[in-house]
């Protein structure tokens, strides 16, 4: 009789352990397949180029009215001055 005092705990914990293990495997598979399918944004890997160039972002912000014409012109000039060119 002394051996069965903690038996109910194992009967309860074993199914929970298996559910957690299966959930972890499913999560890992989904996470890996999403990255291999290319469903991640540019912030996942800083070496990869973002979807928009700085000029495209500037154009979009100007078109949406976030910045005025003067700020747009100045920003375009600064971007052109800091663009690496052939040496």
PDB file of N, CA and C in Angstrom:
ATOM      1  N   UNK A   1       0.795  -1.196   0.000  1.00  0.00           N
ATOM      2  CA  UNK A   1       0.000   0.000   0.000  1.00  0.00           C
ATOM      3  C   UNK A   1       0.844   1.269   0.000  1.00  0.00           C
ATOM      4  N   UNK A   2       2.009   1.212   0.579  1.00  0.00           N
ATOM      5  CA  UNK A   2       2.830   2.416   0.689  1.00  0.00           C
ATOM      6  C   UNK A   2       3.311   2.900  -0.675  1.00  0.00           C
ATOM      7  N   UNK A   3       3.439   2.010  -1.643  1.00  0.00           N
ATOM      8  CA  UNK A   3       3.957   2.392  -2.942  1.00  0.00           C
ATOM      9  C   UNK A   3       2.942   3.173  -3.773  1.00  0.00           C
ATOM     10  N   UNK A   4       1.676   3.110  -3.464  1.00  0.00           N
ATOM     11  CA  UNK A   4       0.642   3.757  -4.266  1.00  0.00           C
ATOM     12  C   UNK A   4       0.250   5.141  -3.748  1.00  0.00           C
ATOM     13  N   UNK A   5       0.911   5.640  -2.738  1.00  0.00           N
ATOM     14  CA  UNK A   5       0.546   6.948  -2.200  1.00  0.00           C
ATOM     15  C   UNK A   5       0.737   8.067  -3.220  1.00  0.00           C
ATOM     16  N   UNK A   6       1.780   8.020  -4.030  1.00  0.00           N
ATOM     17  CA  UNK A   6       2.018   9.061  -5.031  1.00  0.00           C
ATOM     18  C   UNK A   6       1.597   8.648  -6.427  1.00  0.00           C
ATOM     19  N   UNK A   7       0.960   7.524  -6.579  1.00  0.00           N
ATOM     20  CA  UNK A   7       0.579   7.011  -7.899  1.00  0.00           C
ATOM     21  C   UNK A   7      -0.391   7.899  -8.643  1.00  0.00           C
ATOM     22  N   UNK A   8      -1.301   8.514  -7.954  1.00  0.00           N
ATOM     23  CA  UNK A   8      -2.284   9.382  -8.616  1.00  0.00           C
ATOM     24  C   UNK A   8      -1.604  10.576  -9.269  1.00  0.00           C
ATOM     25  N   UNK A   9      -0.488  11.027  -8.702  1.00  0.00           N
ATOM     26  CA  UNK A   9       0.229  12.170  -9.291  1.00  0.00           C
ATOM     27  C   UNK A   9       0.797  11.802 -10.655  1.00  0.00           C
ATOM     28  N   UNK A  10       1.367  10.614 -10.780  1.00  0.00           N
ATOM     29  CA  UNK A  10       1.901  10.186 -12.073  1.00  0.00           C
ATOM     30  C   UNK A  10       0.792   9.971 -13.089  1.00  0.00           C
ATOM     31  N   UNK A  11      -0.316   9.448 -12.650  1.00  0.00           N
ATOM     32  CA  UNK A  11      -1.450   9.229 -13.556  1.00  0.00           C
ATOM     33  C   UNK A  11      -1.932  10.565 -14.110  1.00  0.00           C
ATOM     34  N   UNK A  12      -1.852  11.623 -13.322  1.00  0.00           N
ATOM     35  CA  UNK A  12      -2.277  12.949 -13.751  1.00  0.00           C
ATOM     36  C   UNK A  12      -1.205  13.643 -14.582  1.00  0.00           C
ATOM     37  N   UNK A  13       0.040  13.518 -14.173  1.00  0.00           N
ATOM     38  CA  UNK A  13       1.116  14.263 -14.830  1.00  0.00           C
ATOM     39  C   UNK A  13       1.561  13.667 -16.159  1.00  0.00           C
ATOM     40  N   UNK A  14       1.504  12.359 -16.329  1.00  0.00           N
ATOM     41  CA  UNK A  14       1.961  11.744 -17.575  1.00  0.00           C
ATOM     42  C   UNK A  14       1.193  12.241 -18.801  1.00  0.00           C
ATOM     43  N   UNK A  15      -0.132  12.284 -18.798  1.00  0.00           N
ATOM     44  CA  UNK A  15      -0.831  12.832 -19.971  1.00  0.00           C
ATOM     45  C   UNK A  15      -0.475  14.303 -20.222  1.00  0.00           C
ATOM     46  N   UNK A  16      -0.302  15.076 -19.166  1.00  0.00           N
ATOM     47  CA  UNK A  16       0.077  16.471 -19.345  1.00  0.00           C
ATOM     48  C   UNK A  16       1.463  16.593 -19.959  1.00  0.00           C
ATOM     49  N   UNK A  17       2.367  15.731 -19.552  1.00  0.00           N
ATOM     50  CA  UNK A  17       3.718  15.731 -20.126  1.00  0.00           C
ATOM     51  C   UNK A  17       3.678  15.407 -21.611  1.00  0.00           C
ATOM     52  N   UNK A  18       2.897  14.400 -21.984  1.00  0.00           N
ATOM     53  CA  UNK A  18       2.793  14.046 -23.397  1.00  0.00           C
ATOM     54  C   UNK A  18       2.137  15.153 -24.226  1.00  0.00           C
ATOM     55  N   UNK A  19       1.118  15.778 -23.680  1.00  0.00           N
ATOM     56  CA  UNK A  19       0.475  16.891 -24.390  1.00  0.00           C
ATOM     57  C   UNK A  19       1.459  18.027 -24.603  1.00  0.00           C
ATOM     58  N   UNK A  20       2.245  18.349 -23.578  1.00  0.00           N
ATOM     59  CA  UNK A  20       3.243  19.413 -23.699  1.00  0.00           C
ATOM     60  C   UNK A  20       4.309  19.044 -24.723  1.00  0.00           C
ATOM     61  N   UNK A  21       4.769  17.803 -24.722  1.00  0.00           N
ATOM     62  CA  UNK A  21       5.792  17.354 -25.667  1.00  0.00           C
ATOM     63  C   UNK A  21       5.286  17.400 -27.101  1.00  0.00           C
ATOM     64  N   UNK A  22       4.083  16.926 -27.325  1.00  0.00           N
ATOM     65  CA  UNK A  22       3.498  16.962 -28.676  1.00  0.00           C
ATOM     66  C   UNK A  22       3.285  18.408 -29.120  1.00  0.00           C
ATOM     67  N   UNK A  23       2.824  19.263 -28.208  1.00  0.00           N
ATOM     68  CA  UNK A  23       2.656  20.685 -28.547  1.00  0.00           C
ATOM     69  C   UNK A  23       3.969  21.342 -28.917  1.00  0.00           C
ATOM     70  N   UNK A  24       5.039  21.008 -28.223  1.00  0.00           N
ATOM     71  CA  UNK A  24       6.360  21.561 -28.530  1.00  0.00           C
ATOM     72  C   UNK A  24       6.837  21.116 -29.902  1.00  0.00           C
ATOM     73  N   UNK A  25       6.620  19.860 -30.243  1.00  0.00           N
ATOM     74  CA  UNK A  25       7.019  19.357 -31.556  1.00  0.00           C
ATOM     75  C   UNK A  25       6.218  20.053 -32.665  1.00  0.00           C
ATOM     76  N   UNK A  26       4.916  20.186 -32.471  1.00  0.00           N
ATOM     77  CA  UNK A  26       4.082  20.858 -33.477  1.00  0.00           C
ATOM     78  C   UNK A  26       4.517  22.309 -33.642  1.00  0.00           C
ATOM     79  N   UNK A  27       4.776  22.998 -32.539  1.00  0.00           N
ATOM     80  CA  UNK A  27       5.235  24.388 -32.606  1.00  0.00           C
ATOM     81  C   UNK A  27       6.553  24.486 -33.374  1.00  0.00           C
ATOM     82  N   UNK A  28       7.500  23.585 -33.085  1.00  0.00           N
ATOM     83  CA  UNK A  28       8.804  23.625 -33.753  1.00  0.00           C
ATOM     84  C   UNK A  28       8.661  23.372 -35.248  1.00  0.00           C
ATOM     85  N   UNK A  29       7.830  22.415 -35.624  1.00  0.00           N
ATOM     86  CA  UNK A  29       7.628  22.123 -37.048  1.00  0.00           C
ATOM     87  C   UNK A  29       6.999  23.321 -37.755  1.00  0.00           C
ATOM     88  N   UNK A  30       5.987  23.929 -37.148  1.00  0.00           N
ATOM     89  CA  UNK A  30       5.354  25.100 -37.765  1.00  0.00           C
ATOM     90  C   UNK A  30       6.335  26.257 -37.887  1.00  0.00           C
ATOM     91  N   UNK A  31       7.119  26.477 -36.865  1.00  0.00           N
ATOM     92  CA  UNK A  31       8.094  27.573 -36.884  1.00  0.00           C
ATOM     93  C   UNK A  31       9.129  27.363 -37.983  1.00  0.00           C
ATOM     94  N   UNK A  32       9.621  26.149 -38.127  1.00  0.00           N
ATOM     95  CA  UNK A  32      10.629  25.868 -39.150  1.00  0.00           C
ATOM     96  C   UNK A  32      10.046  25.943 -40.556  1.00  0.00           C
ATOM     97  N   UNK A  33       8.828  25.466 -40.744  1.00  0.00           N
ATOM     98  CA  UNK A  33       8.248  25.507 -42.080  1.00  0.00           C
ATOM     99  C   UNK A  33       7.879  26.930 -42.491  1.00  0.00           C
ATOM    100  N   UNK A  34       7.496  27.771 -41.558  1.00  0.00           N
ATOM    101  CA  UNK A  34       7.191  29.157 -41.903  1.00  0.00           C
ATOM    102  C   UNK A  34       8.440  29.881 -42.361  1.00  0.00           C
ATOM    103  N   UNK A  35       9.557  29.668 -41.704  1.00  0.00           N
ATOM    104  CA  UNK A  35      10.797  30.341 -42.102  1.00  0.00           C
ATOM    105  C   UNK A  35      11.325  29.805 -43.417  1.00  0.00           C
ATOM    106  N   UNK A  36      11.201  28.521 -43.654  1.00  0.00           N
ATOM    107  CA  UNK A  36      11.708  27.973 -44.905  1.00  0.00           C
ATOM    108  C   UNK A  36      10.817  28.364 -46.076  1.00  0.00           C
ATOM    109  N   UNK A  37       9.561  28.686 -45.811  1.00  0.00           N
ATOM    110  CA  UNK A  37       8.657  29.102 -46.878  1.00  0.00           C
ATOM    111  C   UNK A  37       8.804  30.579 -47.208  1.00  0.00           C
ATOM    112  N   UNK A  38       9.648  31.290 -46.498  1.00  0.00           N
ATOM    113  CA  UNK A  38       9.884  32.693 -46.788  1.00  0.00           C
ATOM    114  C   UNK A  38       8.838  33.622 -46.209  1.00  0.00           C
ATOM    115  N   UNK A  39       8.170  33.216 -45.154  1.00  0.00           N
ATOM    116  CA  UNK A  39       7.123  34.049 -44.560  1.00  0.00           C
ATOM    117  C   UNK A  39       7.639  34.920 -43.429  1.00  0.00           C
ATOM    118  N   UNK A  40       8.876  35.286 -43.460  1.00  0.00           N
ATOM    119  CA  UNK A  40       9.409  36.139 -42.403  1.00  0.00           C
ATOM    120  C   UNK A  40       9.759  37.494 -42.983  1.00  0.00           C
ATOM    121  N   UNK A  41       9.807  38.478 -42.121  1.00  0.00           N
ATOM    122  CA  UNK A  41      10.123  39.816 -42.591  1.00  0.00           C
ATOM    123  C   UNK A  41      11.617  40.049 -42.516  1.00  0.00           C
ATOM    124  N   UNK A  42      12.057  41.187 -43.005  1.00  0.00           N
ATOM    125  CA  UNK A  42      13.481  41.487 -43.102  1.00  0.00           C
ATOM    126  C   UNK A  42      14.147  41.639 -41.745  1.00  0.00           C
ATOM    127  N   UNK A  43      13.386  41.848 -40.685  1.00  0.00           N
ATOM    128  CA  UNK A  43      13.997  42.022 -39.368  1.00  0.00           C
ATOM    129  C   UNK A  43      14.526  40.718 -38.807  1.00  0.00           C
ATOM    130  N   UNK A  44      14.111  39.567 -39.367  1.00  0.00           N
ATOM    131  CA  UNK A  44      14.616  38.285 -38.884  1.00  0.00           C
ATOM    132  C   UNK A  44      16.106  38.127 -39.184  1.00  0.00           C
ATOM    133  N   UNK A  45      16.556  38.614 -40.323  1.00  0.00           N
ATOM    134  CA  UNK A  45      17.959  38.516 -40.695  1.00  0.00           C
ATOM    135  C   UNK A  45      18.433  39.896 -41.133  1.00  0.00           C
ATOM    136  N   UNK A  46      19.235  40.570 -40.316  1.00  0.00           N
ATOM    137  CA  UNK A  46      19.638  41.940 -40.656  1.00  0.00           C
ATOM    138  C   UNK A  46      20.509  42.036 -41.898  1.00  0.00           C
ATOM    139  N   UNK A  47      21.079  40.917 -42.361  1.00  0.00           N
ATOM    140  CA  UNK A  47      21.919  40.965 -43.564  1.00  0.00           C
ATOM    141  C   UNK A  47      21.104  41.021 -44.842  1.00  0.00           C
ATOM    142  N   UNK A  48      19.841  40.618 -44.777  1.00  0.00           N
ATOM    143  CA  UNK A  48      18.993  40.633 -45.963  1.00  0.00           C
ATOM    144  C   UNK A  48      18.427  42.027 -46.187  1.00  0.00           C
ATOM    145  N   UNK A  49      18.254  42.370 -47.447  1.00  0.00           N
ATOM    146  CA  UNK A  49      17.722  43.683 -47.796  1.00  0.00           C
ATOM    147  C   UNK A  49      16.247  43.773 -47.421  1.00  0.00           C
ATOM    148  N   UNK A  50      15.815  44.929 -46.931  1.00  0.00           N
ATOM    149  CA  UNK A  50      14.392  45.085 -46.611  1.00  0.00           C
ATOM    150  C   UNK A  50      13.567  45.129 -47.884  1.00  0.00           C
ATOM    151  N   UNK A  51      12.270  45.031 -47.718  1.00  0.00           N
ATOM    152  CA  UNK A  51      11.373  45.030 -48.871  1.00  0.00           C
ATOM    153  C   UNK A  51      11.336  46.352 -49.609  1.00  0.00           C
ATOM    154  N   UNK A  52      11.545  47.442 -48.903  1.00  0.00           N
ATOM    155  CA  UNK A  52      11.520  48.768 -49.520  1.00  0.00           C
ATOM    156  C   UNK A  52      12.876  49.440 -49.375  1.00  0.00           C
ATOM    157  N   UNK A  53      13.239  50.187 -50.400  1.00  0.00           N
ATOM    158  CA  UNK A  53      14.451  50.992 -50.312  1.00  0.00           C
ATOM    159  C   UNK A  53      14.115  52.268 -49.541  1.00  0.00           C
ATOM    160  N   UNK A  54      15.124  52.959 -49.034  1.00  0.00           N
ATOM    161  CA  UNK A  54      14.845  54.227 -48.358  1.00  0.00           C
ATOM    162  C   UNK A  54      14.100  55.224 -49.242  1.00  0.00           C
ATOM    163  N   UNK A  55      14.429  55.222 -50.517  1.00  0.00           N
ATOM    164  CA  UNK A  55      13.735  56.125 -51.444  1.00  0.00           C
ATOM    165  C   UNK A  55      12.260  55.772 -51.579  1.00  0.00           C
ATOM    166  N   UNK A  56      11.963  54.473 -51.618  1.00  0.00           N
ATOM    167  CA  UNK A  56      10.565  54.049 -51.723  1.00  0.00           C
ATOM    168  C   UNK A  56       9.789  54.407 -50.455  1.00  0.00           C
ATOM    169  N   UNK A  57      10.422  54.269 -49.322  1.00  0.00           N
ATOM    170  CA  UNK A  57       9.774  54.653 -48.064  1.00  0.00           C
ATOM    171  C   UNK A  57       9.503  56.149 -48.058  1.00  0.00           C
ATOM    172  N   UNK A  58      10.480  56.915 -48.503  1.00  0.00           N
ATOM    173  CA  UNK A  58      10.322  58.370 -48.564  1.00  0.00           C
ATOM    174  C   UNK A  58       9.198  58.750 -49.525  1.00  0.00           C
ATOM    175  N   UNK A  59       9.164  58.117 -50.704  1.00  0.00           N
ATOM    176  CA  UNK A  59       8.100  58.380 -51.672  1.00  0.00           C
ATOM    177  C   UNK A  59       6.724  58.071 -51.084  1.00  0.00           C
ATOM    178  N   UNK A  60       6.624  56.934 -50.389  1.00  0.00           N
ATOM    179  CA  UNK A  60       5.352  56.543 -49.787  1.00  0.00           C
ATOM    180  C   UNK A  60       4.921  57.538 -48.713  1.00  0.00           C
ATOM    181  N   UNK A  61       5.854  57.977 -47.878  1.00  0.00           N
ATOM    182  CA  UNK A  61       5.519  58.933 -46.825  1.00  0.00           C
ATOM    183  C   UNK A  61       5.097  60.282 -47.419  1.00  0.00           C
ATOM    184  N   UNK A  62       5.748  60.689 -48.511  1.00  0.00           N
ATOM    185  CA  UNK A  62       5.374  61.945 -49.168  1.00  0.00           C
ATOM    186  C   UNK A  62       3.984  61.819 -49.798  1.00  0.00           C
ATOM    187  N   UNK A  63       3.751  60.678 -50.436  1.00  0.00           N
ATOM    188  CA  UNK A  63       2.463  60.469 -51.095  1.00  0.00           C
ATOM    189  C   UNK A  63       1.312  60.404 -50.088  1.00  0.00           C
ATOM    190  N   UNK A  64       1.574  59.879 -48.889  1.00  0.00           N
ATOM    191  CA  UNK A  64       0.511  59.791 -47.889  1.00  0.00           C
ATOM    192  C   UNK A  64       0.326  61.087 -47.106  1.00  0.00           C
ATOM    193  N   UNK A  65       1.210  62.066 -47.313  1.00  0.00           N
ATOM    194  CA  UNK A  65       1.082  63.351 -46.642  1.00  0.00           C
ATOM    195  C   UNK A  65       1.764  63.416 -45.286  1.00  0.00           C
ATOM    196  N   UNK A  66       2.588  62.425 -44.951  1.00  0.00           N
ATOM    197  CA  UNK A  66       3.301  62.451 -43.676  1.00  0.00           C
ATOM    198  C   UNK A  66       4.354  63.554 -43.644  1.00  0.00           C
ATOM    199  N   UNK A  67       4.941  63.835 -44.806  1.00  0.00           N
ATOM    200  CA  UNK A  67       5.968  64.888 -44.879  1.00  0.00           C
ATOM    201  C   UNK A  67       5.596  65.846 -46.006  1.00  0.00           C
ATOM    202  N   UNK A  68       6.076  67.076 -45.895  1.00  0.00           N
ATOM    203  CA  UNK A  68       5.770  68.064 -46.934  1.00  0.00           C
ATOM    204  C   UNK A  68       6.850  68.047 -48.018  1.00  0.00           C
ATOM    205  N   UNK A  69       6.668  68.882 -49.037  1.00  0.00           N
ATOM    206  CA  UNK A  69       7.578  68.922 -50.176  1.00  0.00           C
ATOM    207  C   UNK A  69       8.998  69.316 -49.806  1.00  0.00           C
ATOM    208  N   UNK A  70       9.132  70.252 -48.877  1.00  0.00           N
ATOM    209  CA  UNK A  70      10.463  70.708 -48.472  1.00  0.00           C
ATOM    210  C   UNK A  70      11.227  69.582 -47.752  1.00  0.00           C
ATOM    211  N   UNK A  71      10.571  68.910 -46.858  1.00  0.00           N
ATOM    212  CA  UNK A  71      11.208  67.797 -46.148  1.00  0.00           C
ATOM    213  C   UNK A  71      11.539  66.662 -47.112  1.00  0.00           C
ATOM    214  N   UNK A  72      10.664  66.431 -48.086  1.00  0.00           N
ATOM    215  CA  UNK A  72      10.897  65.392 -49.077  1.00  0.00           C
ATOM    216  C   UNK A  72      12.145  65.710 -49.900  1.00  0.00           C
ATOM    217  N   UNK A  73      12.242  66.936 -50.372  1.00  0.00           N
ATOM    218  CA  UNK A  73      13.385  67.338 -51.193  1.00  0.00           C
ATOM    219  C   UNK A  73      14.690  67.237 -50.398  1.00  0.00           C
ATOM    220  N   UNK A  74      14.666  67.709 -49.161  1.00  0.00           N
ATOM    221  CA  UNK A  74      15.867  67.653 -48.318  1.00  0.00           C
ATOM    222  C   UNK A  74      16.277  66.202 -48.044  1.00  0.00           C
ATOM    223  N   UNK A  75      15.309  65.353 -47.754  1.00  0.00           N
ATOM    224  CA  UNK A  75      15.617  63.951 -47.479  1.00  0.00           C
ATOM    225  C   UNK A  75      16.154  63.252 -48.722  1.00  0.00           C
ATOM    226  N   UNK A  76      15.592  63.545 -49.875  1.00  0.00           N
ATOM    227  CA  UNK A  76      16.088  62.970 -51.132  1.00  0.00           C
ATOM    228  C   UNK A  76      17.540  63.383 -51.375  1.00  0.00           C
ATOM    229  N   UNK A  77      17.845  64.646 -51.095  1.00  0.00           N
ATOM    230  CA  UNK A  77      19.208  65.144 -51.285  1.00  0.00           C
ATOM    231  C   UNK A  77      20.174  64.428 -50.340  1.00  0.00           C
ATOM    232  N   UNK A  78      19.778  64.279 -49.093  1.00  0.00           N
ATOM    233  CA  UNK A  78      20.633  63.596 -48.119  1.00  0.00           C
ATOM    234  C   UNK A  78      20.852  62.132 -48.481  1.00  0.00           C
ATOM    235  N   UNK A  79      19.807  61.488 -48.939  1.00  0.00           N
ATOM    236  CA  UNK A  79      19.964  60.094 -49.351  1.00  0.00           C
ATOM    237  C   UNK A  79      20.920  59.976 -50.531  1.00  0.00           C
ATOM    238  N   UNK A  80      20.815  60.883 -51.487  1.00  0.00           N
ATOM    239  CA  UNK A  80      21.708  60.856 -52.645  1.00  0.00           C
ATOM    240  C   UNK A  80      23.151  61.132 -52.227  1.00  0.00           C
ATOM    241  N   UNK A  81      23.353  62.027 -51.263  1.00  0.00           N
ATOM    242  CA  UNK A  81      24.714  62.356 -50.808  1.00  0.00           C
ATOM    243  C   UNK A  81      25.363  61.189 -50.055  1.00  0.00           C
ATOM    244  N   UNK A  82      24.567  60.388 -49.384  1.00  0.00           N
ATOM    245  CA  UNK A  82      25.119  59.294 -48.588  1.00  0.00           C
ATOM    246  C   UNK A  82      25.081  57.944 -49.281  1.00  0.00           C
ATOM    247  N   UNK A  83      24.662  57.913 -50.534  1.00  0.00           N
ATOM    248  CA  UNK A  83      24.643  56.667 -51.289  1.00  0.00           C
ATOM    249  C   UNK A  83      26.083  56.301 -51.645  1.00  0.00           C
ATOM    250  N   UNK A  84      26.478  55.064 -51.365  1.00  0.00           N
ATOM    251  CA  UNK A  84      27.827  54.661 -51.781  1.00  0.00           C
ATOM    252  C   UNK A  84      27.888  54.556 -53.295  1.00  0.00           C
ATOM    253  N   UNK A  85      28.908  55.104 -53.850  1.00  0.00           N
ATOM    254  CA  UNK A  85      29.083  55.083 -55.291  1.00  0.00           C
ATOM    255  C   UNK A  85      30.389  54.409 -55.654  1.00  0.00           C
ATOM    256  N   UNK A  86      30.646  54.275 -56.945  1.00  0.00           N
ATOM    257  CA  UNK A  86      31.907  53.658 -57.372  1.00  0.00           C
ATOM    258  C   UNK A  86      33.091  54.533 -56.980  1.00  0.00           C
ATOM    259  N   UNK A  87      34.157  53.909 -56.558  1.00  0.00           N
ATOM    260  CA  UNK A  87      35.336  54.677 -56.130  1.00  0.00           C
ATOM    261  C   UNK A  87      36.468  54.473 -57.074  1.00  0.00           C
TER     262      UNK A  87
END
